[in-house]
Protein backbone atom coordinates (compact mmCIF):
# COMPACT_ATOMS: atom_id res chain seq x y z
CA UNK A 1 24.39 -98.26 54.08
CA UNK A 2 24.77 -94.99 55.99
CA UNK A 3 26.73 -93.52 53.10
CA UNK A 4 23.88 -94.38 50.71
CA UNK A 5 21.37 -92.73 53.04
CA UNK A 6 23.47 -89.56 53.31
CA UNK A 7 23.88 -89.52 49.52
CA UNK A 8 20.12 -89.84 48.98
CA UNK A 9 19.52 -87.08 51.54
CA UNK A 10 21.97 -84.81 49.73
CA UNK A 11 20.26 -85.37 46.38
CA UNK A 12 16.92 -84.55 47.99
CA UNK A 13 18.25 -81.31 49.49
CA UNK A 14 19.61 -80.19 46.11
CA UNK A 15 16.50 -81.19 44.17
CA UNK A 16 13.86 -80.02 46.65
CA UNK A 17 13.85 -76.33 45.58
CA UNK A 18 13.17 -77.43 41.98
CA UNK A 19 10.19 -79.63 42.76
CA UNK A 20 6.89 -78.23 41.50
CA UNK A 21 8.58 -75.65 39.25
CA UNK A 22 8.00 -75.37 35.50
CA UNK A 23 10.99 -76.35 33.32
CA UNK A 24 13.05 -73.29 32.45
CA UNK A 25 13.88 -73.61 28.77
CA UNK A 26 15.68 -71.00 26.66
CA UNK A 27 13.07 -69.09 24.64
CA UNK A 28 13.18 -66.99 21.50
CA UNK A 29 14.43 -63.43 21.79
CA UNK A 30 12.53 -60.48 20.34
CA UNK A 31 9.07 -62.02 20.06
CA UNK A 32 5.96 -60.47 18.52
CA UNK A 33 4.05 -57.81 20.41
CA UNK A 34 0.65 -59.21 19.38
CA UNK A 35 -0.96 -62.53 18.46
CA UNK A 36 0.80 -64.76 15.92
CA UNK A 37 -1.45 -65.74 13.01
CA UNK A 38 0.78 -67.91 10.83
CA UNK A 39 4.09 -69.76 10.63
CA UNK A 40 6.13 -71.51 7.92
CA UNK A 41 9.40 -73.45 7.83
CA UNK A 42 11.98 -72.84 5.14
CA UNK A 43 12.52 -75.85 2.84
CA UNK A 44 15.79 -76.73 4.61
CA UNK A 45 14.12 -76.51 8.03
CA UNK A 46 16.70 -74.06 9.39
CA UNK A 47 14.51 -70.95 9.43
CA UNK A 48 11.02 -70.35 10.78
CA UNK A 49 8.92 -67.39 9.61
CA UNK A 50 6.04 -66.04 11.70
CA UNK A 51 3.45 -63.41 10.86
CA UNK A 52 1.53 -61.43 13.43
CA UNK A 53 -1.25 -58.98 14.17
CA UNK A 54 1.58 -56.59 15.08
CA UNK A 55 2.02 -56.17 11.26
CA UNK A 56 5.50 -57.72 11.19
CA UNK A 57 7.09 -60.90 9.93
CA UNK A 58 9.91 -62.39 11.98
CA UNK A 59 12.54 -64.90 10.89
CA UNK A 60 13.92 -67.28 13.53
CA UNK A 61 17.00 -69.48 13.65
CA UNK A 62 15.52 -72.87 14.50
CA UNK A 63 18.73 -74.19 16.06
CA UNK A 64 19.18 -71.28 18.51
CA UNK A 65 15.62 -69.96 18.84
CA UNK A 66 16.86 -66.41 18.12
CA UNK A 67 15.04 -63.82 16.08
CA UNK A 68 17.43 -63.06 13.22
CA UNK A 69 15.36 -60.60 11.16
CA UNK A 70 12.22 -58.54 11.72
CA UNK A 71 10.42 -57.42 8.57
CA UNK A 72 8.19 -54.36 8.87
CA UNK A 73 5.76 -56.05 6.56
CA UNK A 74 2.37 -54.44 6.16
CA UNK A 75 -0.06 -51.76 7.27
CA UNK A 76 -2.38 -54.48 8.59
CA UNK A 77 -2.14 -57.83 10.35
CA UNK A 78 -0.10 -60.52 8.59
CA UNK A 79 -2.16 -63.69 8.19
CA UNK A 80 -0.07 -65.89 5.89
CA UNK A 81 3.62 -66.50 5.15
CA UNK A 82 5.09 -68.96 2.66
CA UNK A 83 8.62 -69.72 1.43
CA UNK A 84 9.49 -70.26 -2.22
CA UNK A 85 10.58 -73.85 -2.99
CA UNK A 86 14.28 -72.84 -2.99
CA UNK A 87 13.87 -70.93 0.28
CA UNK A 88 15.29 -67.68 -1.13
CA UNK A 89 12.04 -65.73 -1.27
CA UNK A 90 9.38 -65.30 1.42
CA UNK A 91 5.89 -64.08 0.58
CA UNK A 92 3.66 -62.50 3.23
CA UNK A 93 -0.04 -61.71 3.01
CA UNK A 94 -1.99 -59.14 5.01
CA UNK A 95 -5.58 -59.17 6.16
CA UNK A 96 -6.51 -56.79 3.32
CA UNK A 97 -5.11 -59.12 0.63
CA UNK A 98 -1.86 -57.21 0.14
CA UNK A 99 1.08 -59.44 -0.78
CA UNK A 100 4.75 -58.62 -0.28
CA UNK A 101 7.79 -60.68 -1.23
CA UNK A 102 11.13 -60.61 0.58
CA UNK A 103 14.71 -61.65 -0.10
CA UNK A 104 15.36 -64.03 2.80
CA UNK A 105 19.14 -63.53 2.65
CA UNK A 106 19.04 -59.73 2.94
CA UNK A 107 15.65 -59.16 4.58
CA UNK A 108 14.77 -56.57 1.92
CA UNK A 109 11.34 -56.32 0.34
CA UNK A 110 11.42 -57.14 -3.35
CA UNK A 111 7.90 -56.63 -4.71
CA UNK A 112 4.50 -55.51 -3.49
CA UNK A 113 1.46 -57.14 -5.07
CA UNK A 114 -1.97 -55.63 -4.57
CA UNK A 115 -4.82 -58.04 -5.24
CA UNK A 116 -8.09 -56.83 -6.74
CA UNK A 117 -9.95 -56.40 -3.47
CA UNK A 118 -10.00 -57.52 0.15
CA UNK A 119 -11.60 -60.89 0.82
CA UNK A 120 -12.23 -63.34 3.60
CA UNK A 121 -9.48 -65.86 4.29
CA UNK A 122 -7.02 -64.76 1.56
CA UNK A 123 -4.28 -67.25 0.68
CA UNK A 124 -1.15 -67.51 -1.50
CA UNK A 125 0.84 -70.40 -2.98
CA UNK A 126 4.14 -70.58 -4.89
CA UNK A 127 4.55 -72.49 -8.13
CA UNK A 128 7.14 -75.33 -7.92
CA UNK A 129 9.79 -73.27 -9.75
CA UNK A 130 9.17 -70.27 -7.46
CA UNK A 131 8.56 -67.93 -10.40
CA UNK A 132 4.80 -67.55 -9.90
CA UNK A 133 2.43 -66.83 -7.05
CA UNK A 134 -1.27 -67.59 -7.04
CA UNK A 135 -3.53 -65.55 -4.76
CA UNK A 136 -7.19 -65.88 -3.92
CA UNK A 137 -9.66 -66.14 -1.09
CA UNK A 138 -13.20 -66.73 0.01
CA UNK A 139 -15.89 -64.64 -1.74
CA UNK A 140 -13.35 -63.30 -4.25
CA UNK A 141 -14.50 -63.91 -7.85
CA UNK A 142 -11.08 -64.80 -9.21
CA UNK A 143 -7.65 -66.29 -8.65
CA UNK A 144 -4.75 -64.03 -9.63
CA UNK A 145 -1.40 -65.22 -10.99
CA UNK A 146 1.71 -63.10 -10.39
CA UNK A 147 5.26 -62.93 -11.70
CA UNK A 148 7.39 -63.02 -8.54
CA UNK A 149 10.40 -61.24 -10.08
CA UNK A 150 8.49 -58.24 -11.44
CA UNK A 151 5.37 -58.17 -9.26
CA UNK A 152 3.21 -58.00 -12.37
CA UNK A 153 -0.09 -59.78 -12.80
CA UNK A 154 0.23 -62.51 -15.44
CA UNK A 155 -3.23 -64.03 -15.43
CA UNK A 156 -6.70 -64.17 -13.92
CA UNK A 157 -8.75 -67.31 -13.39
CA UNK A 158 -12.47 -66.51 -13.34
CA UNK A 159 -14.55 -68.40 -10.80
CA UNK A 160 -18.17 -69.47 -11.16
CA UNK A 161 -20.93 -67.69 -9.28
CA UNK A 162 -23.65 -69.25 -7.17
CA UNK A 163 -26.94 -67.79 -5.95
CA UNK A 164 -25.21 -66.11 -3.03
CA UNK A 165 -22.46 -64.61 -5.12
CA UNK A 166 -18.87 -65.66 -5.79
CA UNK A 167 -17.71 -68.56 -3.68
CA UNK A 168 -13.97 -67.93 -4.07
CA UNK A 169 -11.43 -70.51 -2.93
CA UNK A 170 -10.43 -72.09 0.37
CA UNK A 171 -7.40 -74.00 -0.92
CA UNK A 172 -5.04 -74.05 -3.91
CA UNK A 173 -2.09 -76.13 -5.12
CA UNK A 174 0.12 -76.32 -8.21
CA UNK A 175 0.89 -79.62 -9.90
CA UNK A 176 4.59 -80.60 -9.68
CA UNK A 177 5.27 -79.37 -13.23
CA UNK A 178 3.62 -76.01 -12.46
CA UNK A 179 1.37 -76.17 -15.53
CA UNK A 180 -1.90 -76.75 -13.68
CA UNK A 181 -3.43 -75.10 -10.62
CA UNK A 182 -6.02 -76.90 -8.50
CA UNK A 183 -8.54 -74.96 -6.43
CA UNK A 184 -11.54 -75.75 -4.25
CA UNK A 185 -14.07 -73.83 -2.20
CA UNK A 186 -17.44 -73.82 -0.45
CA UNK A 187 -19.21 -75.20 -3.51
CA UNK A 188 -17.57 -78.57 -2.87
CA UNK A 189 -16.05 -78.74 -6.36
CA UNK A 190 -12.42 -79.15 -7.37
CA UNK A 191 -11.34 -77.09 -10.38
CA UNK A 192 -8.26 -77.64 -12.53
CA UNK A 193 -6.84 -74.63 -14.37
CA UNK A 194 -4.39 -74.34 -17.26
CA UNK A 195 -1.88 -71.81 -15.90
CA UNK A 196 -0.70 -70.71 -19.36
CA UNK A 197 -4.17 -69.95 -20.76
CA UNK A 198 -6.19 -69.35 -17.59
CA UNK A 199 -8.86 -71.77 -18.76
CA UNK A 200 -10.77 -74.16 -16.52
CA UNK A 201 -9.83 -77.54 -18.01
CA UNK A 202 -11.76 -79.81 -15.65
CA UNK A 203 -14.19 -79.73 -12.72
CA UNK A 204 -14.68 -82.56 -10.24
CA UNK A 205 -18.27 -82.24 -9.01
CA UNK A 206 -19.29 -82.73 -5.41
CA UNK A 207 -21.34 -85.77 -4.39
CA UNK A 208 -24.87 -84.41 -4.01
CA UNK A 209 -25.96 -87.60 -2.27
CA UNK A 210 -24.14 -86.49 0.89
CA UNK A 211 -26.28 -85.46 3.86
CA UNK A 212 -26.97 -81.72 3.96
CA UNK A 213 -26.85 -81.07 0.19
């Protein structure tokens, strides 16, 4: 019995200095110098990309928590990052609607895409085959399609106007075959676009019976 008491006392003596302290976990090395606005996992889950108001994009090894690459991305805050479906290309978007693509393996910038004009809440999405990017945003009168390899604009999808001007888009997604793009915005409608022709092929209207409409 005495041995058990002495053993318990010894455990208490060792553990006492740790009581009330926060857990000390290994953290990432080389973090951002300003607020982080966006993150995205690579398709295989091994790499995390983060974009920041410090104008950089950082790539992190998920297993070790270490910063593996820092991309001097833009002249303004980075607000969106997205990996291509195969994980080989990363696209980053700045506050002023400037898009840059990067080779994830080398960390080198590949193309710089300049959208028509700055907008509120700009966003970008990859097509399923990774060959196209769609960009748009709130209050921007169009969605732009880009060729990822060349950085050239391949199409423009014209949006409808309302009494207050162009509503723009708040979300976008490609269908799995990449032939159709779906977009939606403040108007409460869902639009389907033919990517090859740029035509609006269908519109799902909002329910005007909802309260507040």
